[in-house]
Amino acid sequence: MGNAVAFTKESFKETTASGVSLVDFWAEWCGPCKMIAPAIEELATEFAGKANIGKVDVDQEGELAQEFGVSSIPTLLIMKDGAEAQRFVGVTKKDELAKAINAALG
């Protein structure tokens, strides 16, 4: 992982409690997850200092995935001040995600 942070059960609530976050629920074995990984890294660079961009490995953080009802991956959540603002399931274009982050940022 490059600029995107790895969210864990321990860090998730604290990291997403205020401001805007993009959370990518993924797994190492997931082909579509690997397809969007470069876009997630680019977003992490582009939104550095403005939004938290991170990933949750569903194999290591199953409890977190379950808490958010993630049943298929990739699932991407836009979080605003600790609450889910928008959800994308499946491969999602980078510009669509950037637009959603910008909208959440206001």
PDB file of N, CA and C in Angstrom:
ATOM      1  N   MET A   1       0.839  -1.187   0.000  1.00  0.00           N
ATOM      2  CA  MET A   1       0.000   0.000   0.000  1.00  0.00           C
ATOM      3  C   MET A   1       0.878   1.242   0.000  1.00  0.00           C
ATOM      4  N   GLY A   2       0.465   2.231  -0.741  1.00  0.00           N
ATOM      5  CA  GLY A   2       1.227   3.471  -0.810  1.00  0.00           C
ATOM      6  C   GLY A   2       0.701   4.506   0.163  1.00  0.00           C
ATOM      7  N   ASN A   3      -0.052   5.471  -0.351  1.00  0.00           N
ATOM      8  CA  ASN A   3      -0.552   6.564   0.477  1.00  0.00           C
ATOM      9  C   ASN A   3      -1.845   6.246   1.218  1.00  0.00           C
ATOM     10  N   ALA A   4      -2.570   5.255   0.744  1.00  0.00           N
ATOM     11  CA  ALA A   4      -3.802   4.865   1.433  1.00  0.00           C
ATOM     12  C   ALA A   4      -3.426   4.183   2.743  1.00  0.00           C
ATOM     13  N   VAL A   5      -4.137   4.521   3.816  1.00  0.00           N
ATOM     14  CA  VAL A   5      -3.839   3.919   5.114  1.00  0.00           C
ATOM     15  C   VAL A   5      -4.590   2.605   5.269  1.00  0.00           C
ATOM     16  N   ALA A   6      -4.047   1.734   6.089  1.00  0.00           N
ATOM     17  CA  ALA A   6      -4.730   0.478   6.388  1.00  0.00           C
ATOM     18  C   ALA A   6      -5.596   0.709   7.616  1.00  0.00           C
ATOM     19  N   PHE A   7      -6.903   0.632   7.437  1.00  0.00           N
ATOM     20  CA  PHE A   7      -7.818   0.783   8.563  1.00  0.00           C
ATOM     21  C   PHE A   7      -7.928  -0.555   9.283  1.00  0.00           C
ATOM     22  N   THR A   8      -7.890  -0.504  10.601  1.00  0.00           N
ATOM     23  CA  THR A   8      -8.116  -1.703  11.410  1.00  0.00           C
ATOM     24  C   THR A   8      -9.301  -1.413  12.322  1.00  0.00           C
ATOM     25  N   LYS A   9      -9.784  -2.445  12.957  1.00  0.00           N
ATOM     26  CA  LYS A   9     -10.892  -2.275  13.898  1.00  0.00           C
ATOM     27  C   LYS A   9     -10.526  -1.232  14.954  1.00  0.00           C
ATOM     28  N   GLU A  10      -9.265  -1.251  15.370  1.00  0.00           N
ATOM     29  CA  GLU A  10      -8.795  -0.339  16.411  1.00  0.00           C
ATOM     30  C   GLU A  10      -8.727   1.114  15.932  1.00  0.00           C
ATOM     31  N   SER A  11      -8.320   1.334  14.680  1.00  0.00           N
ATOM     32  CA  SER A  11      -8.111   2.703  14.189  1.00  0.00           C
ATOM     33  C   SER A  11      -9.306   3.285  13.440  1.00  0.00           C
ATOM     34  N   PHE A  12     -10.235   2.439  13.031  1.00  0.00           N
ATOM     35  CA  PHE A  12     -11.304   2.867  12.133  1.00  0.00           C
ATOM     36  C   PHE A  12     -12.149   4.016  12.683  1.00  0.00           C
ATOM     37  N   LYS A  13     -12.740   3.817  13.852  1.00  0.00           N
ATOM     38  CA  LYS A  13     -13.650   4.833  14.410  1.00  0.00           C
ATOM     39  C   LYS A  13     -12.952   6.169  14.639  1.00  0.00           C
ATOM     40  N   GLU A  14     -11.748   6.095  15.193  1.00  0.00           N
ATOM     41  CA  GLU A  14     -10.984   7.312  15.459  1.00  0.00           C
ATOM     42  C   GLU A  14     -10.645   8.048  14.162  1.00  0.00           C
ATOM     43  N   THR A  15     -10.239   7.302  13.145  1.00  0.00           N
ATOM     44  CA  THR A  15      -9.824   7.907  11.884  1.00  0.00           C
ATOM     45  C   THR A  15     -11.001   8.498  11.119  1.00  0.00           C
ATOM     46  N   THR A  16     -12.159   7.850  11.193  1.00  0.00           N
ATOM     47  CA  THR A  16     -13.303   8.305  10.404  1.00  0.00           C
ATOM     48  C   THR A  16     -14.275   9.178  11.200  1.00  0.00           C
ATOM     49  N   ALA A  17     -13.984   9.422  12.484  1.00  0.00           N
ATOM     50  CA  ALA A  17     -14.918  10.151  13.363  1.00  0.00           C
ATOM     51  C   ALA A  17     -15.206  11.576  12.910  1.00  0.00           C
ATOM     52  N   SER A  18     -14.208  12.243  12.342  1.00  0.00           N
ATOM     53  CA  SER A  18     -14.456  13.603  11.875  1.00  0.00           C
ATOM     54  C   SER A  18     -13.873  13.780  10.478  1.00  0.00           C
ATOM     55  N   GLY A  19     -14.527  14.641   9.727  1.00  0.00           N
ATOM     56  CA  GLY A  19     -14.082  14.873   8.363  1.00  0.00           C
ATOM     57  C   GLY A  19     -14.623  13.830   7.405  1.00  0.00           C
ATOM     58  N   VAL A  20     -13.972  13.735   6.250  1.00  0.00           N
ATOM     59  CA  VAL A  20     -14.416  12.844   5.177  1.00  0.00           C
ATOM     60  C   VAL A  20     -13.387  11.736   4.972  1.00  0.00           C
ATOM     61  N   SER A  21     -13.887  10.524   4.789  1.00  0.00           N
ATOM     62  CA  SER A  21     -13.011   9.375   4.528  1.00  0.00           C
ATOM     63  C   SER A  21     -13.584   8.537   3.397  1.00  0.00           C
ATOM     64  N   LEU A  22     -12.689   7.956   2.602  1.00  0.00           N
ATOM     65  CA  LEU A  22     -13.067   6.943   1.610  1.00  0.00           C
ATOM     66  C   LEU A  22     -12.493   5.644   2.135  1.00  0.00           C
ATOM     67  N   VAL A  23     -13.357   4.654   2.321  1.00  0.00           N
ATOM     68  CA  VAL A  23     -12.932   3.365   2.861  1.00  0.00           C
ATOM     69  C   VAL A  23     -13.160   2.298   1.795  1.00  0.00           C
ATOM     70  N   ASP A  24     -12.087   1.610   1.435  1.00  0.00           N
ATOM     71  CA  ASP A  24     -12.128   0.551   0.430  1.00  0.00           C
ATOM     72  C   ASP A  24     -12.058  -0.797   1.142  1.00  0.00           C
ATOM     73  N   PHE A  25     -13.176  -1.537   1.131  1.00  0.00           N
ATOM     74  CA  PHE A  25     -13.181  -2.901   1.676  1.00  0.00           C
ATOM     75  C   PHE A  25     -12.711  -3.819   0.548  1.00  0.00           C
ATOM     76  N   TRP A  26     -11.624  -4.541   0.764  1.00  0.00           N
ATOM     77  CA  TRP A  26     -10.975  -5.317  -0.291  1.00  0.00           C
ATOM     78  C   TRP A  26     -10.360  -6.594   0.290  1.00  0.00           C
ATOM     79  N   ALA A  27      -9.791  -7.410  -0.614  1.00  0.00           N
ATOM     80  CA  ALA A  27      -9.026  -8.597  -0.211  1.00  0.00           C
ATOM     81  C   ALA A  27      -7.946  -8.846  -1.256  1.00  0.00           C
ATOM     82  N   GLU A  28      -6.855  -9.460  -0.812  1.00  0.00           N
ATOM     83  CA  GLU A  28      -5.704  -9.731  -1.679  1.00  0.00           C
ATOM     84  C   GLU A  28      -6.086 -10.598  -2.887  1.00  0.00           C
ATOM     85  N   TRP A  29      -7.011 -11.527  -2.702  1.00  0.00           N
ATOM     86  CA  TRP A  29      -7.391 -12.484  -3.745  1.00  0.00           C
ATOM     87  C   TRP A  29      -8.446 -11.944  -4.705  1.00  0.00           C
ATOM     88  N   CYS A  30      -8.920 -10.737  -4.483  1.00  0.00           N
ATOM     89  CA  CYS A  30     -10.030 -10.162  -5.246  1.00  0.00           C
ATOM     90  C   CYS A  30      -9.526  -9.430  -6.493  1.00  0.00           C
ATOM     91  N   GLY A  31      -9.829  -9.972  -7.659  1.00  0.00           N
ATOM     92  CA  GLY A  31      -9.407  -9.366  -8.929  1.00  0.00           C
ATOM     93  C   GLY A  31      -9.906  -7.938  -9.124  1.00  0.00           C
ATOM     94  N   PRO A  32     -11.224  -7.712  -8.983  1.00  0.00           N
ATOM     95  CA  PRO A  32     -11.734  -6.339  -9.141  1.00  0.00           C
ATOM     96  C   PRO A  32     -11.108  -5.354  -8.152  1.00  0.00           C
ATOM     97  N   CYS A  33     -10.770  -5.838  -6.941  1.00  0.00           N
ATOM     98  CA  CYS A  33     -10.115  -4.976  -5.941  1.00  0.00           C
ATOM     99  C   CYS A  33      -8.754  -4.516  -6.456  1.00  0.00           C
ATOM    100  N   LYS A  34      -8.036  -5.450  -7.094  1.00  0.00           N
ATOM    101  CA  LYS A  34      -6.720  -5.115  -7.644  1.00  0.00           C
ATOM    102  C   LYS A  34      -6.860  -4.126  -8.800  1.00  0.00           C
ATOM    103  N   MET A  35      -7.978  -4.222  -9.543  1.00  0.00           N
ATOM    104  CA  MET A  35      -8.202  -3.305 -10.667  1.00  0.00           C
ATOM    105  C   MET A  35      -8.354  -1.857 -10.200  1.00  0.00           C
ATOM    106  N   ILE A  36      -9.016  -1.655  -9.072  1.00  0.00           N
ATOM    107  CA  ILE A  36      -9.242  -0.274  -8.620  1.00  0.00           C
ATOM    108  C   ILE A  36      -8.165   0.228  -7.658  1.00  0.00           C
ATOM    109  N   ALA A  37      -7.262  -0.651  -7.227  1.00  0.00           N
ATOM    110  CA  ALA A  37      -6.223  -0.249  -6.267  1.00  0.00           C
ATOM    111  C   ALA A  37      -5.416   0.963  -6.725  1.00  0.00           C
ATOM    112  N   PRO A  38      -4.975   1.037  -7.993  1.00  0.00           N
ATOM    113  CA  PRO A  38      -4.216   2.225  -8.413  1.00  0.00           C
ATOM    114  C   PRO A  38      -5.033   3.521  -8.288  1.00  0.00           C
ATOM    115  N   ALA A  39      -6.317   3.467  -8.563  1.00  0.00           N
ATOM    116  CA  ALA A  39      -7.179   4.654  -8.441  1.00  0.00           C
ATOM    117  C   ALA A  39      -7.285   5.084  -6.986  1.00  0.00           C
ATOM    118  N   ILE A  40      -7.368   4.110  -6.071  1.00  0.00           N
ATOM    119  CA  ILE A  40      -7.453   4.423  -4.640  1.00  0.00           C
ATOM    120  C   ILE A  40      -6.163   5.129  -4.199  1.00  0.00           C
ATOM    121  N   GLU A  41      -5.027   4.635  -4.669  1.00  0.00           N
ATOM    122  CA  GLU A  41      -3.743   5.257  -4.325  1.00  0.00           C
ATOM    123  C   GLU A  41      -3.658   6.682  -4.875  1.00  0.00           C
ATOM    124  N   GLU A  42      -4.123   6.882  -6.109  1.00  0.00           N
ATOM    125  CA  GLU A  42      -4.117   8.223  -6.709  1.00  0.00           C
ATOM    126  C   GLU A  42      -5.002   9.178  -5.910  1.00  0.00           C
ATOM    127  N   LEU A  43      -6.166   8.693  -5.496  1.00  0.00           N
ATOM    128  CA  LEU A  43      -7.063   9.519  -4.686  1.00  0.00           C
ATOM    129  C   LEU A  43      -6.416   9.873  -3.351  1.00  0.00           C
ATOM    130  N   ALA A  44      -5.690   8.916  -2.767  1.00  0.00           N
ATOM    131  CA  ALA A  44      -5.004   9.162  -1.492  1.00  0.00           C
ATOM    132  C   ALA A  44      -4.002  10.299  -1.646  1.00  0.00           C
ATOM    133  N   THR A  45      -3.321  10.342  -2.781  1.00  0.00           N
ATOM    134  CA  THR A  45      -2.357  11.410  -3.044  1.00  0.00           C
ATOM    135  C   THR A  45      -3.080  12.731  -3.291  1.00  0.00           C
ATOM    136  N   GLU A  46      -4.112  12.688  -4.142  1.00  0.00           N
ATOM    137  CA  GLU A  46      -4.838  13.905  -4.523  1.00  0.00           C
ATOM    138  C   GLU A  46      -5.580  14.553  -3.352  1.00  0.00           C
ATOM    139  N   PHE A  47      -6.080  13.738  -2.429  1.00  0.00           N
ATOM    140  CA  PHE A  47      -6.863  14.275  -1.310  1.00  0.00           C
ATOM    141  C   PHE A  47      -6.074  14.322   0.001  1.00  0.00           C
ATOM    142  N   ALA A  48      -4.755  14.168  -0.079  1.00  0.00           N
ATOM    143  CA  ALA A  48      -3.915  14.215   1.122  1.00  0.00           C
ATOM    144  C   ALA A  48      -4.154  15.533   1.857  1.00  0.00           C
ATOM    145  N   GLY A  49      -4.422  15.436   3.152  1.00  0.00           N
ATOM    146  CA  GLY A  49      -4.677  16.621   3.954  1.00  0.00           C
ATOM    147  C   GLY A  49      -6.118  17.104   3.916  1.00  0.00           C
ATOM    148  N   LYS A  50      -6.929  16.541   2.999  1.00  0.00           N
ATOM    149  CA  LYS A  50      -8.332  16.955   2.880  1.00  0.00           C
ATOM    150  C   LYS A  50      -9.289  15.849   3.311  1.00  0.00           C
ATOM    151  N   ALA A  51      -8.933  14.608   2.973  1.00  0.00           N
ATOM    152  CA  ALA A  51      -9.788  13.458   3.288  1.00  0.00           C
ATOM    153  C   ALA A  51      -8.898  12.264   3.618  1.00  0.00           C
ATOM    154  N   ASN A  52      -9.402  11.368   4.459  1.00  0.00           N
ATOM    155  CA  ASN A  52      -8.697  10.124   4.777  1.00  0.00           C
ATOM    156  C   ASN A  52      -9.062   9.083   3.728  1.00  0.00           C
ATOM    157  N   ILE A  53      -8.069   8.521   3.087  1.00  0.00           N
ATOM    158  CA  ILE A  53      -8.312   7.462   2.108  1.00  0.00           C
ATOM    159  C   ILE A  53      -7.647   6.211   2.652  1.00  0.00           C
ATOM    160  N   GLY A  54      -8.443   5.152   2.819  1.00  0.00           N
ATOM    161  CA  GLY A  54      -7.875   3.947   3.392  1.00  0.00           C
ATOM    162  C   GLY A  54      -8.557   2.677   2.945  1.00  0.00           C
ATOM    163  N   LYS A  55      -7.959   1.573   3.348  1.00  0.00           N
ATOM    164  CA  LYS A  55      -8.426   0.258   2.932  1.00  0.00           C
ATOM    165  C   LYS A  55      -8.633  -0.633   4.144  1.00  0.00           C
ATOM    166  N   VAL A  56      -9.636  -1.493   4.036  1.00  0.00           N
ATOM    167  CA  VAL A  56      -9.906  -2.495   5.059  1.00  0.00           C
ATOM    168  C   VAL A  56      -9.796  -3.864   4.394  1.00  0.00           C
ATOM    169  N   ASP A  57      -8.831  -4.649   4.822  1.00  0.00           N
ATOM    170  CA  ASP A  57      -8.666  -6.008   4.321  1.00  0.00           C
ATOM    171  C   ASP A  57      -9.718  -6.878   5.012  1.00  0.00           C
ATOM    172  N   VAL A  58     -10.712  -7.332   4.246  1.00  0.00           N
ATOM    173  CA  VAL A  58     -11.833  -8.067   4.857  1.00  0.00           C
ATOM    174  C   VAL A  58     -11.406  -9.412   5.459  1.00  0.00           C
ATOM    175  N   ASP A  59     -10.301  -9.962   4.998  1.00  0.00           N
ATOM    176  CA  ASP A  59      -9.815 -11.220   5.567  1.00  0.00           C
ATOM    177  C   ASP A  59      -9.230 -10.997   6.962  1.00  0.00           C
ATOM    178  N   GLN A  60      -8.611  -9.850   7.167  1.00  0.00           N
ATOM    179  CA  GLN A  60      -8.005  -9.552   8.462  1.00  0.00           C
ATOM    180  C   GLN A  60      -8.955  -8.792   9.385  1.00  0.00           C
ATOM    181  N   GLU A  61      -9.901  -8.086   8.809  1.00  0.00           N
ATOM    182  CA  GLU A  61     -10.824  -7.249   9.589  1.00  0.00           C
ATOM    183  C   GLU A  61     -12.282  -7.629   9.297  1.00  0.00           C
ATOM    184  N   GLY A  62     -12.568  -8.922   9.418  1.00  0.00           N
ATOM    185  CA  GLY A  62     -13.910  -9.435   9.122  1.00  0.00           C
ATOM    186  C   GLY A  62     -15.006  -8.806   9.970  1.00  0.00           C
ATOM    187  N   GLU A  63     -14.678  -8.506  11.217  1.00  0.00           N
ATOM    188  CA  GLU A  63     -15.648  -7.895  12.124  1.00  0.00           C
ATOM    189  C   GLU A  63     -16.097  -6.526  11.611  1.00  0.00           C
ATOM    190  N   LEU A  64     -15.138  -5.768  11.111  1.00  0.00           N
ATOM    191  CA  LEU A  64     -15.420  -4.433  10.572  1.00  0.00           C
ATOM    192  C   LEU A  64     -16.281  -4.538   9.309  1.00  0.00           C
ATOM    193  N   ALA A  65     -15.927  -5.488   8.447  1.00  0.00           N
ATOM    194  CA  ALA A  65     -16.718  -5.704   7.236  1.00  0.00           C
ATOM    195  C   ALA A  65     -18.150  -6.094   7.596  1.00  0.00           C
ATOM    196  N   GLN A  66     -18.298  -6.949   8.589  1.00  0.00           N
ATOM    197  CA  GLN A  66     -19.613  -7.396   9.037  1.00  0.00           C
ATOM    198  C   GLN A  66     -20.405  -6.231   9.626  1.00  0.00           C
ATOM    199  N   GLU A  67     -19.736  -5.400  10.403  1.00  0.00           N
ATOM    200  CA  GLU A  67     -20.385  -4.245  11.026  1.00  0.00           C
ATOM    201  C   GLU A  67     -21.009  -3.315   9.979  1.00  0.00           C
ATOM    202  N   PHE A  68     -20.363  -3.208   8.816  1.00  0.00           N
ATOM    203  CA  PHE A  68     -20.866  -2.332   7.755  1.00  0.00           C
ATOM    204  C   PHE A  68     -21.649  -3.089   6.688  1.00  0.00           C
ATOM    205  N   GLY A  69     -21.953  -4.349   6.936  1.00  0.00           N
ATOM    206  CA  GLY A  69     -22.778  -5.127   6.015  1.00  0.00           C
ATOM    207  C   GLY A  69     -22.145  -5.337   4.655  1.00  0.00           C
ATOM    208  N   VAL A  70     -20.834  -5.478   4.633  1.00  0.00           N
ATOM    209  CA  VAL A  70     -20.130  -5.696   3.374  1.00  0.00           C
ATOM    210  C   VAL A  70     -20.239  -7.172   3.010  1.00  0.00           C
ATOM    211  N   SER A  71     -20.965  -7.452   1.924  1.00  0.00           N
ATOM    212  CA  SER A  71     -21.146  -8.841   1.507  1.00  0.00           C
ATOM    213  C   SER A  71     -20.446  -9.147   0.190  1.00  0.00           C
ATOM    214  N   SER A  72     -20.071  -8.116  -0.559  1.00  0.00           N
ATOM    215  CA  SER A  72     -19.274  -8.336  -1.760  1.00  0.00           C
ATOM    216  C   SER A  72     -18.236  -7.225  -1.850  1.00  0.00           C
ATOM    217  N   ILE A  73     -17.114  -7.562  -2.453  1.00  0.00           N
ATOM    218  CA  ILE A  73     -16.022  -6.598  -2.554  1.00  0.00           C
ATOM    219  C   ILE A  73     -15.607  -6.434  -4.009  1.00  0.00           C
ATOM    220  N   PRO A  74     -15.077  -5.299  -4.382  1.00  0.00           N
ATOM    221  CA  PRO A  74     -14.837  -4.147  -3.522  1.00  0.00           C
ATOM    222  C   PRO A  74     -16.133  -3.409  -3.152  1.00  0.00           C
ATOM    223  N   THR A  75     -16.188  -2.969  -1.913  1.00  0.00           N
ATOM    224  CA  THR A  75     -17.225  -2.055  -1.447  1.00  0.00           C
ATOM    225  C   THR A  75     -16.504  -0.815  -0.962  1.00  0.00           C
ATOM    226  N   LEU A  76     -16.936   0.341  -1.444  1.00  0.00           N
ATOM    227  CA  LEU A  76     -16.305   1.603  -1.066  1.00  0.00           C
ATOM    228  C   LEU A  76     -17.318   2.480  -0.360  1.00  0.00           C
ATOM    229  N   LEU A  77     -16.931   2.979   0.811  1.00  0.00           N
ATOM    230  CA  LEU A  77     -17.811   3.847   1.580  1.00  0.00           C
ATOM    231  C   LEU A  77     -17.228   5.245   1.643  1.00  0.00           C
ATOM    232  N   ILE A  78     -18.083   6.232   1.459  1.00  0.00           N
ATOM    233  CA  ILE A  78     -17.723   7.609   1.754  1.00  0.00           C
ATOM    234  C   ILE A  78     -18.285   7.858   3.143  1.00  0.00           C
ATOM    235  N   MET A  79     -17.406   8.165   4.088  1.00  0.00           N
ATOM    236  CA  MET A  79     -17.801   8.428   5.466  1.00  0.00           C
ATOM    237  C   MET A  79     -17.666   9.923   5.731  1.00  0.00           C
ATOM    238  N   LYS A  80     -18.664  10.495   6.397  1.00  0.00           N
ATOM    239  CA  LYS A  80     -18.585  11.898   6.792  1.00  0.00           C
ATOM    240  C   LYS A  80     -18.891  11.982   8.278  1.00  0.00           C
ATOM    241  N   ASP A  81     -17.923  12.484   9.031  1.00  0.00           N
ATOM    242  CA  ASP A  81     -18.057  12.630  10.483  1.00  0.00           C
ATOM    243  C   ASP A  81     -18.558  11.346  11.154  1.00  0.00           C
ATOM    244  N   GLY A  82     -17.971  10.217  10.743  1.00  0.00           N
ATOM    245  CA  GLY A  82     -18.259   8.940  11.379  1.00  0.00           C
ATOM    246  C   GLY A  82     -19.463   8.181  10.856  1.00  0.00           C
ATOM    247  N   ALA A  83     -20.211   8.791   9.935  1.00  0.00           N
ATOM    248  CA  ALA A  83     -21.409   8.126   9.400  1.00  0.00           C
ATOM    249  C   ALA A  83     -21.243   7.871   7.902  1.00  0.00           C
ATOM    250  N   GLU A  84     -21.821   6.756   7.459  1.00  0.00           N
ATOM    251  CA  GLU A  84     -21.770   6.445   6.035  1.00  0.00           C
ATOM    252  C   GLU A  84     -22.614   7.452   5.257  1.00  0.00           C
ATOM    253  N   ALA A  85     -21.999   8.091   4.262  1.00  0.00           N
ATOM    254  CA  ALA A  85     -22.702   9.073   3.442  1.00  0.00           C
ATOM    255  C   ALA A  85     -23.071   8.491   2.085  1.00  0.00           C
ATOM    256  N   GLN A  86     -22.231   7.600   1.571  1.00  0.00           N
ATOM    257  CA  GLN A  86     -22.481   7.009   0.260  1.00  0.00           C
ATOM    258  C   GLN A  86     -21.750   5.679   0.172  1.00  0.00           C
ATOM    259  N   ARG A  87     -22.298   4.764  -0.645  1.00  0.00           N
ATOM    260  CA  ARG A  87     -21.723   3.435  -0.799  1.00  0.00           C
ATOM    261  C   ARG A  87     -21.655   3.079  -2.279  1.00  0.00           C
ATOM    262  N   PHE A  88     -20.533   2.499  -2.671  1.00  0.00           N
ATOM    263  CA  PHE A  88     -20.347   1.991  -4.025  1.00  0.00           C
ATOM    264  C   PHE A  88     -19.967   0.525  -3.908  1.00  0.00           C
ATOM    265  N   VAL A  89     -20.580  -0.336  -4.698  1.00  0.00           N
ATOM    266  CA  VAL A  89     -20.242  -1.757  -4.688  1.00  0.00           C
ATOM    267  C   VAL A  89     -19.764  -2.131  -6.086  1.00  0.00           C
ATOM    268  N   GLY A  90     -18.614  -2.783  -6.142  1.00  0.00           N
ATOM    269  CA  GLY A  90     -18.036  -3.173  -7.428  1.00  0.00           C
ATOM    270  C   GLY A  90     -17.018  -2.141  -7.889  1.00  0.00           C
ATOM    271  N   VAL A  91     -16.448  -2.412  -9.064  1.00  0.00           N
ATOM    272  CA  VAL A  91     -15.444  -1.509  -9.618  1.00  0.00           C
ATOM    273  C   VAL A  91     -16.112  -0.169  -9.908  1.00  0.00           C
ATOM    274  N   THR A  92     -15.549   0.882  -9.359  1.00  0.00           N
ATOM    275  CA  THR A  92     -16.100   2.229  -9.505  1.00  0.00           C
ATOM    276  C   THR A  92     -15.016   3.122 -10.079  1.00  0.00           C
ATOM    277  N   LYS A  93     -15.398   3.968 -11.030  1.00  0.00           N
ATOM    278  CA  LYS A  93     -14.422   4.844 -11.674  1.00  0.00           C
ATOM    279  C   LYS A  93     -13.871   5.867 -10.693  1.00  0.00           C
ATOM    280  N   LYS A  94     -12.605   6.178 -10.881  1.00  0.00           N
ATOM    281  CA  LYS A  94     -11.912   7.129 -10.009  1.00  0.00           C
ATOM    282  C   LYS A  94     -12.623   8.481  -9.974  1.00  0.00           C
ATOM    283  N   ASP A  95     -13.048   8.981 -11.145  1.00  0.00           N
ATOM    284  CA  ASP A  95     -13.680  10.309 -11.174  1.00  0.00           C
ATOM    285  C   ASP A  95     -15.012  10.312 -10.424  1.00  0.00           C
ATOM    286  N   GLU A  96     -15.696   9.182 -10.426  1.00  0.00           N
ATOM    287  CA  GLU A  96     -16.959   9.073  -9.680  1.00  0.00           C
ATOM    288  C   GLU A  96     -16.686   9.141  -8.166  1.00  0.00           C
ATOM    289  N   LEU A  97     -15.621   8.473  -7.741  1.00  0.00           N
ATOM    290  CA  LEU A  97     -15.239   8.500  -6.328  1.00  0.00           C
ATOM    291  C   LEU A  97     -14.768   9.901  -5.925  1.00  0.00           C
ATOM    292  N   ALA A  98     -13.972  10.534  -6.778  1.00  0.00           N
ATOM    293  CA  ALA A  98     -13.480  11.885  -6.498  1.00  0.00           C
ATOM    294  C   ALA A  98     -14.648  12.864  -6.371  1.00  0.00           C
ATOM    295  N   LYS A  99     -15.634  12.708  -7.239  1.00  0.00           N
ATOM    296  CA  LYS A  99     -16.819  13.565  -7.206  1.00  0.00           C
ATOM    297  C   LYS A  99     -17.568  13.385  -5.873  1.00  0.00           C
ATOM    298  N   ALA A 100     -17.690  12.134  -5.423  1.00  0.00           N
ATOM    299  CA  ALA A 100     -18.388  11.835  -4.165  1.00  0.00           C
ATOM    300  C   ALA A 100     -17.605  12.398  -2.965  1.00  0.00           C
ATOM    301  N   ILE A 101     -16.277  12.298  -3.017  1.00  0.00           N
ATOM    302  CA  ILE A 101     -15.447  12.846  -1.927  1.00  0.00           C
ATOM    303  C   ILE A 101     -15.602  14.366  -1.882  1.00  0.00           C
ATOM    304  N   ASN A 102     -15.518  14.991  -3.057  1.00  0.00           N
ATOM    305  CA  ASN A 102     -15.669  16.454  -3.122  1.00  0.00           C
ATOM    306  C   ASN A 102     -17.044  16.903  -2.622  1.00  0.00           C
ATOM    307  N   ALA A 103     -18.080  16.154  -2.964  1.00  0.00           N
ATOM    308  CA  ALA A 103     -19.431  16.489  -2.513  1.00  0.00           C
ATOM    309  C   ALA A 103     -19.513  16.404  -0.990  1.00  0.00           C
ATOM    310  N   ALA A 104     -18.892  15.363  -0.419  1.00  0.00           N
ATOM    311  CA  ALA A 104     -18.905  15.204   1.041  1.00  0.00           C
ATOM    312  C   ALA A 104     -18.092  16.307   1.716  1.00  0.00           C
ATOM    313  N   LEU A 105     -17.032  16.730   1.062  1.00  0.00           N
ATOM    314  CA  LEU A 105     -16.208  17.821   1.610  1.00  0.00           C
ATOM    315  C   LEU A 105     -16.954  19.144   1.591  1.00  0.00           C
ATOM    316  N   GLY A 106     -17.940  19.247   0.683  1.00  0.00           N
ATOM    317  CA  GLY A 106     -18.748  20.454   0.604  1.00  0.00           C
ATOM    318  C   GLY A 106     -18.045  21.521  -0.167  1.00  0.00           C
TER     319      GLY A 106
END
